[in-house]
Amino acid sequence: MSTTTIRLPAELKARVAEAARQAGTTSHGFILEAIAEKTELVARQAEFHAVADRRYAEFLESGKSVPWAEARAWLKGRVARKAVERPRASELDP
């Protein structure tokens, strides 16, 4: 494991120490967990944006979309745990 030095302002260091104490861990462990969580968040955001970009490109190529009213009804049915048929994409009205 490599070593990295970070300089924390005194106020942040105190806040980290208190948060670590409340979490039942050390400041070092708390900082490692925070870095790991932030790294995972950035990776998930990048994946989310890649999927969104791909889907938008597919929309531009096909011109097909699901009207919001149909998508909303489907989502509400899913949340209510009802057996609902997935709406089908179709050409947008000009």
N, C-alpha and C. Protein backbone atom coordinates (compact mmCIF):
# COMPACT_ATOMS: atom_id res chain seq x y z
N MET A 1 0.86 -1.16 0.00
CA MET A 1 0.00 0.00 0.00
C MET A 1 0.91 1.23 0.00
N SER A 2 0.60 2.17 -0.88
CA SER A 2 1.41 3.38 -0.94
C SER A 2 0.92 4.41 0.07
N THR A 3 1.75 5.42 0.29
CA THR A 3 1.43 6.47 1.24
C THR A 3 1.22 7.77 0.50
N THR A 4 0.18 8.49 0.87
CA THR A 4 -0.10 9.82 0.33
C THR A 4 -0.31 10.75 1.51
N THR A 5 0.27 11.91 1.43
CA THR A 5 0.12 12.90 2.48
C THR A 5 -0.89 13.95 2.04
N ILE A 6 -1.83 14.25 2.91
CA ILE A 6 -2.76 15.33 2.62
C ILE A 6 -2.70 16.33 3.76
N ARG A 7 -2.87 17.57 3.42
CA ARG A 7 -2.88 18.62 4.43
C ARG A 7 -4.33 19.08 4.62
N LEU A 8 -4.80 18.94 5.84
CA LEU A 8 -6.17 19.33 6.16
C LEU A 8 -6.17 20.59 7.01
N PRO A 9 -7.06 21.52 6.69
CA PRO A 9 -7.21 22.66 7.60
C PRO A 9 -7.62 22.13 8.99
N ALA A 10 -7.22 22.84 10.03
CA ALA A 10 -7.46 22.40 11.41
C ALA A 10 -8.95 22.12 11.65
N GLU A 11 -9.81 22.99 11.13
CA GLU A 11 -11.26 22.80 11.36
C GLU A 11 -11.74 21.50 10.71
N LEU A 12 -11.31 21.22 9.49
CA LEU A 12 -11.72 19.99 8.81
C LEU A 12 -11.16 18.77 9.54
N LYS A 13 -9.92 18.85 9.98
CA LYS A 13 -9.32 17.74 10.71
C LYS A 13 -10.13 17.43 11.97
N ALA A 14 -10.56 18.47 12.67
CA ALA A 14 -11.37 18.27 13.88
C ALA A 14 -12.72 17.66 13.53
N ARG A 15 -13.33 18.12 12.43
CA ARG A 15 -14.62 17.58 12.01
C ARG A 15 -14.49 16.11 11.62
N VAL A 16 -13.40 15.78 10.92
CA VAL A 16 -13.16 14.38 10.53
C VAL A 16 -12.98 13.53 11.79
N ALA A 17 -12.21 14.01 12.73
CA ALA A 17 -11.97 13.25 13.97
C ALA A 17 -13.28 13.00 14.70
N GLU A 18 -14.14 14.02 14.78
CA GLU A 18 -15.42 13.86 15.46
C GLU A 18 -16.33 12.89 14.69
N ALA A 19 -16.39 13.04 13.39
CA ALA A 19 -17.22 12.14 12.58
C ALA A 19 -16.72 10.71 12.69
N ALA A 20 -15.42 10.54 12.68
CA ALA A 20 -14.84 9.19 12.82
C ALA A 20 -15.19 8.60 14.17
N ARG A 21 -15.10 9.42 15.22
CA ARG A 21 -15.45 8.94 16.56
C ARG A 21 -16.91 8.48 16.60
N GLN A 22 -17.79 9.30 16.00
CA GLN A 22 -19.21 8.94 15.99
C GLN A 22 -19.46 7.68 15.17
N ALA A 23 -18.68 7.48 14.13
CA ALA A 23 -18.83 6.29 13.28
C ALA A 23 -18.14 5.07 13.87
N GLY A 24 -17.39 5.28 14.94
CA GLY A 24 -16.72 4.16 15.60
C GLY A 24 -15.50 3.68 14.85
N THR A 25 -14.79 4.60 14.22
CA THR A 25 -13.59 4.23 13.47
C THR A 25 -12.51 5.28 13.72
N THR A 26 -11.38 5.10 13.10
CA THR A 26 -10.29 6.07 13.22
C THR A 26 -10.43 7.13 12.14
N SER A 27 -9.74 8.24 12.33
CA SER A 27 -9.73 9.28 11.29
C SER A 27 -9.19 8.71 9.99
N HIS A 28 -8.13 7.91 10.09
CA HIS A 28 -7.55 7.29 8.90
C HIS A 28 -8.58 6.42 8.17
N GLY A 29 -9.26 5.56 8.91
CA GLY A 29 -10.28 4.69 8.31
C GLY A 29 -11.43 5.49 7.73
N PHE A 30 -11.82 6.55 8.42
CA PHE A 30 -12.91 7.40 7.94
C PHE A 30 -12.53 8.06 6.63
N ILE A 31 -11.31 8.59 6.55
CA ILE A 31 -10.83 9.25 5.33
C ILE A 31 -10.74 8.25 4.18
N LEU A 32 -10.22 7.04 4.45
CA LEU A 32 -10.15 6.01 3.39
C LEU A 32 -11.53 5.67 2.87
N GLU A 33 -12.50 5.51 3.78
CA GLU A 33 -13.86 5.18 3.36
C GLU A 33 -14.47 6.32 2.55
N ALA A 34 -14.22 7.55 2.97
CA ALA A 34 -14.75 8.71 2.24
C ALA A 34 -14.16 8.78 0.83
N ILE A 35 -12.89 8.52 0.70
CA ILE A 35 -12.25 8.53 -0.63
C ILE A 35 -12.83 7.42 -1.49
N ALA A 36 -13.00 6.24 -0.91
CA ALA A 36 -13.57 5.11 -1.66
C ALA A 36 -15.00 5.43 -2.11
N GLU A 37 -15.81 6.01 -1.22
CA GLU A 37 -17.19 6.36 -1.57
C GLU A 37 -17.23 7.40 -2.68
N LYS A 38 -16.39 8.41 -2.59
CA LYS A 38 -16.37 9.46 -3.61
C LYS A 38 -15.89 8.90 -4.95
N THR A 39 -14.92 8.02 -4.92
CA THR A 39 -14.43 7.39 -6.14
C THR A 39 -15.53 6.58 -6.81
N GLU A 40 -16.28 5.83 -6.02
CA GLU A 40 -17.39 5.03 -6.55
C GLU A 40 -18.48 5.94 -7.10
N LEU A 41 -18.78 7.03 -6.43
CA LEU A 41 -19.79 7.97 -6.89
C LEU A 41 -19.42 8.55 -8.26
N VAL A 42 -18.18 8.97 -8.41
CA VAL A 42 -17.74 9.54 -9.69
C VAL A 42 -17.82 8.48 -10.79
N ALA A 43 -17.45 7.25 -10.49
CA ALA A 43 -17.53 6.17 -11.48
C ALA A 43 -18.99 5.92 -11.88
N ARG A 44 -19.91 5.90 -10.91
CA ARG A 44 -21.33 5.70 -11.21
C ARG A 44 -21.89 6.85 -12.03
N GLN A 45 -21.47 8.07 -11.71
CA GLN A 45 -21.93 9.23 -12.48
C GLN A 45 -21.43 9.15 -13.92
N ALA A 46 -20.18 8.75 -14.11
CA ALA A 46 -19.63 8.62 -15.45
C ALA A 46 -20.39 7.55 -16.23
N GLU A 47 -20.72 6.44 -15.58
CA GLU A 47 -21.49 5.37 -16.22
C GLU A 47 -22.89 5.86 -16.58
N PHE A 48 -23.51 6.60 -15.67
CA PHE A 48 -24.84 7.16 -15.92
C PHE A 48 -24.82 8.07 -17.14
N HIS A 49 -23.82 8.94 -17.21
CA HIS A 49 -23.72 9.87 -18.35
C HIS A 49 -23.44 9.13 -19.65
N ALA A 50 -22.64 8.07 -19.59
CA ALA A 50 -22.36 7.28 -20.79
C ALA A 50 -23.64 6.62 -21.30
N VAL A 51 -24.45 6.07 -20.39
CA VAL A 51 -25.72 5.46 -20.79
C VAL A 51 -26.65 6.52 -21.37
N ALA A 52 -26.72 7.68 -20.72
CA ALA A 52 -27.58 8.76 -21.21
C ALA A 52 -27.14 9.22 -22.60
N ASP A 53 -25.85 9.37 -22.80
CA ASP A 53 -25.33 9.78 -24.11
C ASP A 53 -25.68 8.75 -25.18
N ARG A 54 -25.51 7.46 -24.84
CA ARG A 54 -25.83 6.39 -25.79
C ARG A 54 -27.31 6.39 -26.13
N ARG A 55 -28.15 6.54 -25.13
CA ARG A 55 -29.59 6.53 -25.38
C ARG A 55 -30.04 7.75 -26.17
N TYR A 56 -29.42 8.89 -25.92
CA TYR A 56 -29.77 10.09 -26.67
C TYR A 56 -29.35 9.93 -28.12
N ALA A 57 -28.20 9.34 -28.36
CA ALA A 57 -27.74 9.10 -29.73
C ALA A 57 -28.71 8.15 -30.43
N GLU A 58 -29.19 7.13 -29.72
CA GLU A 58 -30.16 6.20 -30.30
C GLU A 58 -31.46 6.92 -30.63
N PHE A 59 -31.88 7.83 -29.75
CA PHE A 59 -33.08 8.61 -30.00
C PHE A 59 -32.91 9.48 -31.25
N LEU A 60 -31.77 10.15 -31.35
CA LEU A 60 -31.54 11.00 -32.52
C LEU A 60 -31.53 10.20 -33.81
N GLU A 61 -30.98 9.00 -33.74
CA GLU A 61 -30.91 8.14 -34.93
C GLU A 61 -32.28 7.58 -35.31
N SER A 62 -33.05 7.14 -34.32
CA SER A 62 -34.33 6.49 -34.63
C SER A 62 -35.49 7.47 -34.68
N GLY A 63 -35.41 8.55 -33.92
CA GLY A 63 -36.52 9.49 -33.83
C GLY A 63 -37.68 8.96 -33.01
N LYS A 64 -37.48 7.82 -32.35
CA LYS A 64 -38.55 7.20 -31.56
C LYS A 64 -38.42 7.55 -30.09
N SER A 65 -39.60 7.71 -29.47
CA SER A 65 -39.64 8.07 -28.06
C SER A 65 -40.93 7.53 -27.45
N VAL A 66 -40.97 7.50 -26.14
CA VAL A 66 -42.19 7.13 -25.40
C VAL A 66 -42.77 8.42 -24.84
N PRO A 67 -44.02 8.73 -25.15
CA PRO A 67 -44.63 9.94 -24.59
C PRO A 67 -44.61 9.90 -23.06
N TRP A 68 -44.42 11.08 -22.45
CA TRP A 68 -44.30 11.16 -21.01
C TRP A 68 -45.51 10.57 -20.29
N ALA A 69 -46.70 10.80 -20.79
CA ALA A 69 -47.89 10.28 -20.12
C ALA A 69 -47.84 8.76 -20.04
N GLU A 70 -47.40 8.11 -21.11
CA GLU A 70 -47.30 6.64 -21.11
C GLU A 70 -46.19 6.17 -20.18
N ALA A 71 -45.06 6.85 -20.23
CA ALA A 71 -43.93 6.48 -19.36
C ALA A 71 -44.31 6.66 -17.89
N ARG A 72 -45.00 7.75 -17.59
CA ARG A 72 -45.41 8.04 -16.21
C ARG A 72 -46.40 6.98 -15.72
N ALA A 73 -47.36 6.62 -16.56
CA ALA A 73 -48.33 5.59 -16.17
C ALA A 73 -47.63 4.27 -15.90
N TRP A 74 -46.66 3.94 -16.74
CA TRP A 74 -45.91 2.70 -16.56
C TRP A 74 -45.12 2.73 -15.25
N LEU A 75 -44.45 3.85 -15.00
CA LEU A 75 -43.67 3.98 -13.77
C LEU A 75 -44.56 3.89 -12.54
N LYS A 76 -45.71 4.56 -12.57
CA LYS A 76 -46.63 4.50 -11.44
C LYS A 76 -47.11 3.06 -11.20
N GLY A 77 -47.38 2.34 -12.28
CA GLY A 77 -47.78 0.95 -12.15
C GLY A 77 -46.68 0.09 -11.54
N ARG A 78 -45.45 0.34 -11.96
CA ARG A 78 -44.31 -0.41 -11.42
C ARG A 78 -44.15 -0.14 -9.93
N VAL A 79 -44.26 1.13 -9.54
CA VAL A 79 -44.12 1.50 -8.13
C VAL A 79 -45.22 0.82 -7.31
N ALA A 80 -46.42 0.71 -7.89
CA ALA A 80 -47.54 0.07 -7.20
C ALA A 80 -47.46 -1.45 -7.29
N ARG A 81 -46.39 -1.96 -7.91
CA ARG A 81 -46.16 -3.41 -8.07
C ARG A 81 -47.29 -4.09 -8.86
N LYS A 82 -47.81 -3.34 -9.85
CA LYS A 82 -48.83 -3.91 -10.72
C LYS A 82 -48.16 -4.50 -11.95
N ALA A 83 -48.83 -5.46 -12.57
CA ALA A 83 -48.34 -6.04 -13.82
C ALA A 83 -48.71 -5.08 -14.95
N VAL A 84 -47.76 -4.29 -15.37
CA VAL A 84 -48.03 -3.29 -16.42
C VAL A 84 -47.15 -3.59 -17.63
N GLU A 85 -47.73 -3.39 -18.80
CA GLU A 85 -46.98 -3.62 -20.03
C GLU A 85 -46.08 -2.43 -20.31
N ARG A 86 -44.83 -2.72 -20.66
CA ARG A 86 -43.88 -1.66 -20.95
C ARG A 86 -44.31 -0.91 -22.20
N PRO A 87 -44.32 0.43 -22.15
CA PRO A 87 -44.72 1.19 -23.34
C PRO A 87 -43.72 1.04 -24.47
N ARG A 88 -44.21 1.11 -25.68
CA ARG A 88 -43.34 0.96 -26.85
C ARG A 88 -43.02 2.33 -27.43
N ALA A 89 -41.78 2.48 -27.83
CA ALA A 89 -41.35 3.73 -28.45
C ALA A 89 -41.94 3.85 -29.84
N SER A 90 -42.30 5.07 -30.22
CA SER A 90 -42.83 5.32 -31.55
C SER A 90 -42.31 6.66 -32.05
N GLU A 91 -42.52 6.93 -33.33
CA GLU A 91 -42.07 8.18 -33.93
C GLU A 91 -42.80 9.35 -33.24
N LEU A 92 -42.08 10.43 -33.05
CA LEU A 92 -42.67 11.61 -32.47
C LEU A 92 -43.59 12.28 -33.48
N ASP A 93 -44.65 12.89 -32.97
CA ASP A 93 -45.53 13.66 -33.86
C ASP A 93 -44.78 14.91 -34.31
N PRO A 94 -44.91 15.27 -35.63
CA PRO A 94 -44.18 16.45 -36.11
C PRO A 94 -44.71 17.74 -35.56
